[in-house]
Amino acid sequence: MDEISGRPATMLRPPRRHLKVAAAAGPRRFHLIRHVDVSGVSGTGIVAEGVEWSDGTVTLHWGGRYPTTTVWQDGIDALLTIHGHNGATTIRWMDD
């Protein structure tokens, strides 16, 4: 019971996230390829590996001494906006 209005209380539920794309092939794997090491940290070549999930979410795993995994809810475009360094880093799809 809602103490202010006297009506039955209702529970608010967060909106459900549904798949944006029903990809028949499922998730796609990729390598993040750094052509020029702008920061001087990662080196060149394959610097990370990742998966693009059926709903467009991306998981990226950096190896090395301090391995890290990140999730990009806004997909490949968001990932490349941060890590692409204006074309110095690209995606190579492994499953295509």
C-alpha atoms as a PDB file:
ATOM      1  CA  MET A   1       0.000   0.000   0.000  1.00  0.00           C
ATOM      2  CA  ASP A   2       1.310   3.445  -0.949  1.00  0.00           C
ATOM      3  CA  GLU A   3       1.281   5.419   2.309  1.00  0.00           C
ATOM      4  CA  ILE A   4       0.669   8.751   0.585  1.00  0.00           C
ATOM      5  CA  SER A   5      -2.067   7.914  -1.936  1.00  0.00           C
ATOM      6  CA  GLY A   6      -3.596   4.945  -0.154  1.00  0.00           C
ATOM      7  CA  ARG A   7      -3.537   2.949  -3.430  1.00  0.00           C
ATOM      8  CA  PRO A   8      -1.819  -0.406  -3.943  1.00  0.00           C
ATOM      9  CA  ALA A   9       1.923   0.081  -4.495  1.00  0.00           C
ATOM     10  CA  THR A  10       3.383  -0.890  -7.845  1.00  0.00           C
ATOM     11  CA  MET A  11       6.932  -2.000  -8.510  1.00  0.00           C
ATOM     12  CA  LEU A  12       8.813  -0.208 -11.254  1.00  0.00           C
ATOM     13  CA  ARG A  13      10.805  -2.549 -13.443  1.00  0.00           C
ATOM     14  CA  PRO A  14      13.781  -1.545 -15.548  1.00  0.00           C
ATOM     15  CA  PRO A  15      13.128  -1.833 -19.280  1.00  0.00           C
ATOM     16  CA  ARG A  16      14.168  -5.155 -20.771  1.00  0.00           C
ATOM     17  CA  ARG A  17      16.950  -5.086 -23.306  1.00  0.00           C
ATOM     18  CA  HIS A  18      15.989  -7.088 -26.376  1.00  0.00           C
ATOM     19  CA  LEU A  19      18.212  -8.256 -29.190  1.00  0.00           C
ATOM     20  CA  LYS A  20      18.489  -5.520 -31.801  1.00  0.00           C
ATOM     21  CA  VAL A  21      19.616  -7.927 -34.493  1.00  0.00           C
ATOM     22  CA  ALA A  22      18.872 -11.615 -34.775  1.00  0.00           C
ATOM     23  CA  ALA A  23      22.104 -12.722 -36.414  1.00  0.00           C
ATOM     24  CA  ALA A  24      21.704 -16.232 -37.790  1.00  0.00           C
ATOM     25  CA  ALA A  25      25.460 -16.759 -37.607  1.00  0.00           C
ATOM     26  CA  GLY A  26      25.598 -15.615 -33.973  1.00  0.00           C
ATOM     27  CA  PRO A  27      28.555 -13.749 -32.462  1.00  0.00           C
ATOM     28  CA  ARG A  28      31.485 -12.609 -34.658  1.00  0.00           C
ATOM     29  CA  ARG A  29      35.110 -12.678 -33.520  1.00  0.00           C
ATOM     30  CA  PHE A  30      37.679 -10.051 -34.434  1.00  0.00           C
ATOM     31  CA  HIS A  31      41.211  -8.844 -33.838  1.00  0.00           C
ATOM     32  CA  LEU A  32      42.001  -5.219 -33.081  1.00  0.00           C
ATOM     33  CA  ILE A  33      44.955  -4.399 -35.337  1.00  0.00           C
ATOM     34  CA  ARG A  34      47.177  -1.431 -34.488  1.00  0.00           C
ATOM     35  CA  HIS A  35      49.034  -0.151 -37.553  1.00  0.00           C
ATOM     36  CA  VAL A  36      50.680   2.803 -35.794  1.00  0.00           C
ATOM     37  CA  ASP A  37      51.264   2.899 -32.033  1.00  0.00           C
ATOM     38  CA  VAL A  38      50.189   6.480 -31.353  1.00  0.00           C
ATOM     39  CA  SER A  39      50.502   6.201 -27.551  1.00  0.00           C
ATOM     40  CA  GLY A  40      53.714   4.155 -27.444  1.00  0.00           C
ATOM     41  CA  VAL A  41      52.069   1.612 -25.133  1.00  0.00           C
ATOM     42  CA  SER A  42      50.417  -1.190 -27.126  1.00  0.00           C
ATOM     43  CA  GLY A  43      52.852  -1.729 -29.975  1.00  0.00           C
ATOM     44  CA  THR A  44      51.683  -2.704 -33.450  1.00  0.00           C
ATOM     45  CA  GLY A  45      49.961  -5.765 -34.894  1.00  0.00           C
ATOM     46  CA  ILE A  46      47.221  -7.643 -33.015  1.00  0.00           C
ATOM     47  CA  VAL A  47      46.754  -5.735 -29.757  1.00  0.00           C
ATOM     48  CA  ALA A  48      43.381  -7.129 -28.615  1.00  0.00           C
ATOM     49  CA  GLU A  49      40.748  -9.701 -29.499  1.00  0.00           C
ATOM     50  CA  GLY A  50      37.032  -9.321 -29.305  1.00  0.00           C
ATOM     51  CA  VAL A  51      33.529 -10.517 -29.989  1.00  0.00           C
ATOM     52  CA  GLU A  52      30.593  -8.627 -31.475  1.00  0.00           C
ATOM     53  CA  TRP A  53      27.444 -10.169 -30.015  1.00  0.00           C
ATOM     54  CA  SER A  54      24.133 -10.575 -31.831  1.00  0.00           C
ATOM     55  CA  ASP A  55      22.690  -7.422 -30.232  1.00  0.00           C
ATOM     56  CA  GLY A  56      25.650  -5.265 -31.323  1.00  0.00           C
ATOM     57  CA  THR A  57      27.375  -5.235 -27.929  1.00  0.00           C
ATOM     58  CA  VAL A  58      31.141  -5.734 -28.160  1.00  0.00           C
ATOM     59  CA  THR A  59      33.473  -7.447 -25.700  1.00  0.00           C
ATOM     60  CA  LEU A  60      37.158  -6.520 -26.068  1.00  0.00           C
ATOM     61  CA  HIS A  61      40.045  -8.371 -24.379  1.00  0.00           C
ATOM     62  CA  TRP A  62      43.504  -6.858 -24.073  1.00  0.00           C
ATOM     63  CA  GLY A  63      46.265  -9.383 -23.351  1.00  0.00           C
ATOM     64  CA  GLY A  64      49.733  -8.689 -22.026  1.00  0.00           C
ATOM     65  CA  ARG A  65      51.081  -8.075 -18.572  1.00  0.00           C
ATOM     66  CA  TYR A  66      47.823  -6.564 -17.252  1.00  0.00           C
ATOM     67  CA  PRO A  67      45.011  -8.324 -19.159  1.00  0.00           C
ATOM     68  CA  THR A  68      41.724  -6.450 -19.218  1.00  0.00           C
ATOM     69  CA  THR A  69      38.283  -7.129 -20.679  1.00  0.00           C
ATOM     70  CA  THR A  70      35.824  -4.331 -21.457  1.00  0.00           C
ATOM     71  CA  VAL A  71      32.223  -4.254 -22.691  1.00  0.00           C
ATOM     72  CA  TRP A  72      31.071  -1.707 -25.274  1.00  0.00           C
ATOM     73  CA  GLN A  73      27.255  -1.518 -25.171  1.00  0.00           C
ATOM     74  CA  ASP A  74      27.245   0.917 -28.112  1.00  0.00           C
ATOM     75  CA  GLY A  75      29.195  -1.434 -30.369  1.00  0.00           C
ATOM     76  CA  ILE A  76      32.106  -1.290 -32.786  1.00  0.00           C
ATOM     77  CA  ASP A  77      31.663   2.383 -33.692  1.00  0.00           C
ATOM     78  CA  ALA A  78      32.022   3.428 -30.038  1.00  0.00           C
ATOM     79  CA  LEU A  79      35.047   1.173 -29.576  1.00  0.00           C
ATOM     80  CA  LEU A  80      36.783   2.609 -32.655  1.00  0.00           C
ATOM     81  CA  THR A  81      35.959   6.163 -31.596  1.00  0.00           C
ATOM     82  CA  ILE A  82      38.126   5.595 -28.505  1.00  0.00           C
ATOM     83  CA  HIS A  83      40.732   3.071 -29.712  1.00  0.00           C
ATOM     84  CA  GLY A  84      40.800   3.713 -33.476  1.00  0.00           C
ATOM     85  CA  HIS A  85      43.214   6.664 -33.298  1.00  0.00           C
ATOM     86  CA  ASN A  86      41.856   8.110 -36.561  1.00  0.00           C
ATOM     87  CA  GLY A  87      42.523   4.975 -38.608  1.00  0.00           C
ATOM     88  CA  ALA A  88      45.748   3.891 -36.881  1.00  0.00           C
ATOM     89  CA  THR A  89      43.805   0.911 -35.465  1.00  0.00           C
ATOM     90  CA  THR A  90      41.329  -1.236 -37.398  1.00  0.00           C
ATOM     91  CA  ILE A  91      39.157  -4.334 -37.013  1.00  0.00           C
ATOM     92  CA  ARG A  92      39.967  -7.626 -38.777  1.00  0.00           C
ATOM     93  CA  TRP A  93      36.987  -9.998 -38.689  1.00  0.00           C
ATOM     94  CA  MET A  94      38.029 -13.598 -38.081  1.00  0.00           C
ATOM     95  CA  ASP A  95      34.763 -15.295 -38.998  1.00  0.00           C
ATOM     96  CA  ASP A  96      34.035 -13.633 -42.348  1.00  0.00           C
END
